[in-house]
Protein backbone atom coordinates (compact mmCIF):
# COMPACT_ATOMS: atom_id res chain seq x y z
CA MET A 1 0.04 0.06 0.22
CA PRO A 2 1.27 3.54 -0.73
CA SER A 3 2.57 5.38 2.37
CA ARG A 4 0.12 7.65 4.08
CA LEU A 5 0.68 11.52 2.82
CA ILE A 6 0.49 14.33 5.24
CA MET A 7 -0.78 17.67 4.19
CA ARG A 8 -1.56 20.72 6.54
CA LEU A 9 -5.08 21.92 6.67
CA VAL A 10 -5.87 25.17 8.29
CA ASP A 11 -9.20 25.95 10.20
CA LYS A 12 -10.13 29.65 11.08
CA LYS A 13 -9.94 28.98 14.66
CA SER A 14 -7.19 26.58 14.82
CA GLU A 15 -4.52 24.62 12.90
CA ILE A 16 -5.15 21.10 12.41
CA THR A 17 -3.19 18.39 10.77
CA THR A 18 -5.21 15.95 8.97
CA SER A 19 -3.81 12.62 6.80
CA VAL A 20 -4.88 12.55 3.39
CA PRO A 21 -6.66 9.09 2.94
CA GLU A 22 -4.62 6.32 0.89
CA PRO A 23 -5.94 5.81 -2.32
CA PHE A 24 -9.12 3.94 -2.30
CA LEU A 25 -11.62 5.12 -4.88
CA GLY A 26 -12.34 2.80 -7.90
CA PRO A 27 -14.48 3.48 -10.92
CA VAL A 28 -17.60 5.63 -10.63
CA PHE A 29 -18.73 4.81 -14.15
CA ARG A 30 -18.70 1.72 -16.35
CA PRO A 31 -15.64 1.05 -18.83
CA GLY A 32 -16.31 3.01 -21.99
CA VAL A 33 -18.00 6.11 -20.33
CA GLU A 34 -15.78 8.93 -20.61
CA PRO A 35 -16.87 11.97 -18.41
CA VAL A 36 -15.74 15.49 -18.95
CA ILE A 37 -14.24 17.23 -15.99
CA ALA A 38 -16.28 20.31 -16.07
CA THR A 39 -15.74 21.98 -12.66
CA GLY A 40 -12.58 21.37 -10.46
CA PHE A 41 -12.24 21.90 -6.27
CA ASN A 42 -12.69 25.81 -6.74
CA TYR A 43 -15.20 27.45 -8.78
CA ARG A 44 -14.30 29.95 -12.02
CA ARG A 45 -15.25 33.35 -11.44
CA GLU A 46 -18.44 33.43 -13.66
CA GLU A 47 -19.59 30.35 -11.26
CA ILE A 48 -18.83 32.31 -8.31
CA ASP A 49 -21.21 34.90 -9.37
CA LEU A 50 -23.99 32.19 -9.72
CA HIS A 51 -23.30 30.22 -6.24
CA GLY A 52 -22.16 32.91 -4.36
CA VAL A 53 -18.89 31.12 -2.74
CA LYS A 54 -15.56 30.78 -4.44
CA LYS A 55 -15.06 26.93 -3.21
CA HIS A 56 -16.83 24.15 -4.98
CA GLY A 57 -15.30 21.40 -2.66
CA ALA A 58 -16.26 18.68 -5.30
CA ILE A 59 -15.34 17.64 -8.57
CA ASP A 60 -18.16 17.76 -11.53
CA MET A 61 -18.06 15.23 -14.13
CA ASP A 62 -20.38 15.77 -17.46
CA VAL A 63 -21.89 12.64 -18.56
CA SER A 64 -25.27 11.93 -20.07
CA ARG A 65 -28.32 12.12 -17.86
CA GLY A 66 -29.36 8.55 -16.90
CA THR A 67 -25.82 7.23 -16.82
CA GLU A 68 -25.08 4.57 -14.25
CA ILE A 69 -23.04 5.56 -11.07
CA LEU A 70 -20.94 3.04 -9.41
CA ALA A 71 -20.16 2.95 -5.87
CA ALA A 72 -16.63 4.13 -5.72
CA ALA A 73 -15.59 1.93 -2.54
CA ASP A 74 -16.98 -0.79 -0.04
CA GLY A 75 -19.16 0.78 2.65
CA TYR A 76 -22.45 1.60 4.21
CA TYR A 77 -24.87 3.95 2.14
CA ILE A 78 -27.62 6.05 2.34
CA ALA A 79 -29.70 8.48 0.65
CA THR A 80 -31.98 11.83 1.07
CA TYR A 81 -33.16 14.77 -0.73
CA GLY A 82 -32.85 18.48 -0.24
CA GLU A 83 -33.51 21.58 -2.36
CA LYS A 84 -33.78 25.27 -1.64
CA LEU A 85 -34.42 28.60 -3.32
CA MET A 86 -30.86 30.67 -3.87
CA ARG A 87 -31.11 34.09 -2.53
CA ASN A 88 -29.50 37.37 -3.00
CA ASP A 89 -27.71 39.37 -0.18
CA ASP A 90 -30.90 41.16 0.00
CA GLY A 91 -32.94 38.37 0.31
CA SER A 92 -34.75 38.38 -2.82
CA PRO A 93 -34.69 35.30 -5.14
CA ARG A 94 -31.79 34.86 -7.27
CA LYS A 95 -32.98 34.61 -11.06
CA LEU A 96 -31.11 33.25 -14.11
CA ASP A 97 -31.70 33.48 -17.85
CA MET A 98 -30.34 31.35 -20.64
CA GLU A 99 -27.46 33.67 -21.57
CA GLN A 100 -26.45 34.05 -17.89
CA ALA A 101 -26.46 30.04 -17.68
CA HIS A 102 -24.18 29.67 -20.59
CA LYS A 103 -21.81 32.45 -19.14
CA ALA A 104 -21.44 30.54 -15.86
CA ASN A 105 -20.19 26.91 -17.61
CA PRO A 106 -19.31 27.02 -21.06
CA HIS A 107 -20.15 23.34 -20.91
CA ASN A 108 -23.74 24.23 -20.28
CA LYS A 109 -25.29 22.97 -23.60
CA ASP A 110 -27.97 20.18 -22.33
CA LEU A 111 -30.30 22.80 -20.54
CA ASN A 112 -33.91 22.47 -19.67
CA PRO A 113 -35.30 25.71 -19.18
CA PRO A 114 -38.95 26.73 -18.05
CA GLU A 115 -41.18 28.10 -20.87
CA GLY A 116 -41.22 31.52 -21.63
CA GLU A 117 -38.20 34.38 -21.90
CA GLY A 118 -37.13 34.57 -18.26
CA PRO A 119 -35.13 34.97 -16.25
CA TRP A 120 -36.59 32.45 -13.52
CA ASP A 121 -35.92 31.45 -10.01
CA VAL A 122 -32.99 28.96 -9.62
CA TYR A 123 -32.94 26.57 -6.77
CA PHE A 124 -30.02 24.26 -5.16
CA GLY A 125 -29.92 21.01 -3.71
CA SER A 126 -30.06 17.14 -4.76
CA PHE A 127 -31.14 13.74 -4.63
CA VAL A 128 -27.71 12.49 -3.12
CA VAL A 129 -26.17 9.32 -2.19
CA GLN A 130 -23.62 8.77 0.91
CA GLY A 131 -21.14 6.29 1.54
CA TRP A 132 -19.14 5.75 4.46
CA HIS A 133 -16.00 4.02 3.94
CA GLY A 134 -14.13 3.41 7.39
CA ASN A 135 -11.02 5.31 8.61
CA GLY A 136 -13.27 8.56 8.60
CA ARG A 137 -13.56 8.24 4.62
CA TYR A 138 -17.01 9.49 2.92
CA THR A 139 -17.86 10.03 -0.59
CA GLN A 140 -21.14 11.62 -1.96
CA TYR A 141 -22.89 11.14 -5.26
CA VAL A 142 -25.03 14.27 -5.98
CA HIS A 143 -27.84 15.48 -8.43
CA VAL A 144 -28.87 11.75 -8.96
CA ASP A 145 -32.13 11.01 -10.81
CA TRP A 146 -32.66 7.75 -9.29
CA VAL A 147 -31.03 5.64 -6.42
CA ASN A 148 -30.85 1.64 -5.71
CA PRO A 149 -34.00 0.62 -4.06
CA LYS A 150 -31.73 -1.41 -1.64
CA ILE A 151 -30.24 1.92 -0.24
CA PRO A 152 -32.24 3.47 2.41
CA TYR A 153 -33.77 6.65 1.94
CA TYR A 154 -34.45 9.36 4.23
CA ARG A 155 -37.12 12.00 3.73
CA PRO A 156 -36.09 15.71 3.46
CA GLN A 157 -37.09 18.08 6.21
CA GLU A 158 -39.69 20.86 5.28
CA VAL A 159 -38.35 24.25 6.30
CA ARG A 160 -40.79 26.76 8.20
CA ASP A 161 -40.46 30.31 8.76
CA GLU A 162 -40.70 31.90 12.14
CA GLU A 163 -44.65 32.11 12.27
CA GLY A 164 -44.48 28.09 11.46
CA ASN A 165 -45.61 28.57 7.92
CA LYS A 166 -43.82 26.19 4.98
CA THR A 167 -40.99 28.10 2.90
CA GLY A 168 -40.66 25.64 0.05
CA ASP A 169 -37.11 24.74 1.10
CA LEU A 170 -36.38 21.33 1.94
CA LYS A 171 -33.40 20.41 4.18
CA PHE A 172 -31.57 17.11 3.97
CA SER A 173 -32.18 14.56 6.55
CA GLU A 174 -29.98 14.74 9.44
CA MET A 175 -29.09 11.23 8.72
CA LEU A 176 -26.10 12.40 6.62
CA ARG A 177 -24.34 13.82 9.73
CA ALA A 178 -24.90 10.35 11.50
CA THR A 179 -22.07 9.35 13.80
CA VAL A 180 -19.90 6.43 13.09
CA ASP A 181 -21.63 4.20 15.57
CA GLU A 182 -25.10 4.97 14.42
CA TYR A 183 -24.29 4.59 10.62
CA ARG A 184 -23.99 0.88 10.52
CA SER A 185 -27.71 0.34 11.96
CA ILE A 186 -29.17 3.39 9.05
CA ALA A 187 -27.43 2.28 5.92
CA VAL A 188 -26.84 -0.69 3.93
CA TYR A 189 -23.48 -2.34 2.86
CA ILE A 190 -22.41 -1.97 -0.79
CA LYS A 191 -19.52 -3.44 -2.54
CA ALA A 192 -17.27 -1.67 -4.91
CA GLY A 193 -18.59 -1.65 -8.35
CA GLU A 194 -22.26 -1.94 -7.64
CA VAL A 195 -24.65 0.33 -9.28
CA ILE A 196 -25.98 2.86 -6.62
CA ALA A 197 -27.63 5.58 -8.85
CA VAL A 198 -28.00 7.18 -12.18
CA THR A 199 -27.07 10.70 -13.23
CA GLY A 200 -29.14 13.48 -13.27
CA MET A 201 -29.57 17.15 -12.44
CA THR A 202 -31.91 17.12 -9.62
CA GLY A 203 -31.94 20.00 -6.96
CA CYS A 204 -30.86 22.29 -9.75
CA GLY A 205 -34.52 23.49 -10.25
CA TRP A 206 -34.87 26.29 -12.67
CA GLY A 207 -38.31 28.08 -12.51
CA LYS A 208 -39.47 25.42 -9.68
CA ARG A 209 -38.27 22.61 -7.49
CA CYS A 210 -36.93 19.69 -9.09
CA TYR A 211 -38.72 17.61 -6.43
CA ASP A 212 -42.25 19.11 -7.74
CA PHE A 213 -41.83 17.15 -10.82
CA ALA A 214 -40.72 13.73 -9.07
CA LYS A 215 -42.73 10.60 -9.28
CA PHE A 216 -42.85 8.85 -5.52
CA ASP A 217 -43.41 5.31 -4.35
CA SER A 218 -45.42 4.20 -1.62
CA GLY A 219 -42.61 5.08 0.76
CA LYS A 220 -42.25 8.68 -0.71
CA ARG A 221 -38.84 7.74 -2.48
CA PRO A 222 -38.53 10.14 -5.40
CA ASP A 223 -37.65 8.91 -9.01
CA PHE A 224 -36.75 11.40 -11.65
CA ARG A 225 -36.27 8.97 -14.49
CA ASP A 226 -38.16 9.96 -17.65
CA VAL A 227 -39.39 13.10 -15.71
CA ASN A 228 -39.14 16.49 -17.97
CA TYR A 229 -37.97 18.67 -14.93
CA THR A 230 -36.34 22.00 -15.61
CA TYR A 231 -32.65 22.53 -14.79
CA TYR A 232 -30.13 25.17 -15.31
CA THR A 233 -27.04 23.43 -15.64
CA GLU A 234 -25.38 20.61 -17.41
CA PRO A 235 -26.23 16.70 -16.41
CA HIS A 236 -23.46 15.59 -14.43
CA LEU A 237 -22.18 13.85 -11.50
CA HIS A 238 -21.03 16.27 -8.37
CA PHE A 239 -18.32 14.04 -6.62
CA VAL A 240 -17.34 14.71 -3.01
CA VAL A 241 -14.77 13.25 -0.89
CA THR A 242 -14.51 14.15 2.71
CA GLY A 243 -12.61 12.73 5.94
CA ARG A 244 -12.78 13.58 9.43
CA ARG A 245 -10.85 16.77 10.69
CA ALA A 246 -10.02 15.40 14.06
CA PRO A 247 -11.12 12.08 16.19
CA TYR A 248 -15.03 12.38 17.15
CA ASN A 249 -15.67 15.50 15.14
CA ARG A 250 -18.80 15.13 13.19
CA ASN A 251 -17.60 17.69 10.75
CA ALA A 252 -15.65 16.61 7.87
CA ARG A 253 -12.93 17.95 5.41
CA ALA A 254 -13.47 18.08 1.41
CA PHE A 255 -10.53 16.63 -0.41
CA ASP A 256 -9.77 16.95 -4.14
CA PRO A 257 -9.53 13.19 -5.19
CA PHE A 258 -7.20 14.60 -7.94
CA GLY A 259 -5.03 16.43 -5.41
CA ILE A 260 -5.17 19.40 -7.26
CA TYR A 261 -7.63 21.74 -5.10
CA ARG A 262 -7.53 24.65 -8.14
CA GLN A 263 -10.17 25.76 -10.99
CA VAL A 264 -10.95 23.46 -13.81
CA ASN A 265 -8.44 24.44 -16.33
CA ASP A 266 -5.46 24.50 -13.63
CA GLY A 267 -3.97 20.95 -14.32
CA TYR A 268 -6.90 18.32 -14.44
CA PRO A 269 -6.40 15.15 -16.49
CA GLU A 270 -8.04 15.18 -19.70
CA SER A 271 -8.94 11.76 -19.97
CA ARG A 272 -10.20 8.91 -17.64
CA SER A 273 -7.11 6.95 -18.25
CA GLU A 274 -5.04 9.48 -16.53
CA TRP A 275 -7.26 9.96 -13.12
CA SER A 276 -4.88 7.56 -11.23
CA VAL A 277 -1.93 9.38 -12.45
CA LYS A 278 -0.23 12.55 -10.22
CA GLN A 279 -0.71 15.35 -12.50
CA LYS A 280 1.83 18.26 -12.18
CA ALA A 281 -0.48 20.68 -10.06
CA ALA A 282 -1.08 18.17 -7.86
CA LYS A 283 -0.25 18.62 -3.90
CA HIS A 284 -0.70 14.97 -3.27
CA SER A 285 -1.15 11.67 -5.02
CA PRO A 286 -4.71 11.17 -6.38
CA LEU A 287 -7.10 8.70 -4.20
CA TRP A 288 -7.89 6.95 -7.49
CA LEU A 289 -6.67 3.34 -7.44
């Protein structure tokens, strides 16, 4: 096994030395699927304007909607949903038209806008799968259309205002932040390489929530396959890798699986065959096996 690498991660309140996980990630797509890395660990300026933050904290891989997603590692998996209206600093709804959507990301070609001329309200969230892999390692698979029924699904929480009225926002289940001791009892064990979901663009509602278009089974589990919901960005897998910052701490630190921690044009590999090769711009070896 490769030796454990150490990098220094700085918290605003204290300095914490955190070990970078050893490579443990297998394929997230079947052979023959060639995703395009569309967004790096940090946002581009145009993306910052849309999302209001600089750090992406994940890697976006553009693939066709409905592409099967594989578990990247053995572990315990759960799923939930969340989606909220994006707002400006003054509290007004954030809006987006087609021109702004294309400017935010040049890869935005397969968009599904509402009818009319816009601009339209924009939402952010996801139908998300999370895996716990031991040793403080987690992965998240975000914006999916469907989740394997064997994976437990926990319903979102309706957000209410101070007067008790529903705001329309949906909060992810608290199960996403379950402790390690709790996780085995609320999740199901999945082997690396099993199909856990299919790609989509859930949570990125345009004009209205994606959740409002979903089909539901008797357990209120959503299914977005064959559903014509509206969304403002290219279908992709938003892939997150995290690790504990300190023992017994429920908060997690996001890692770049490529070790680059920059914008998309700053050194990410151009082909899937290079994912496990350390790039010149990388701060540590990639987490891909």
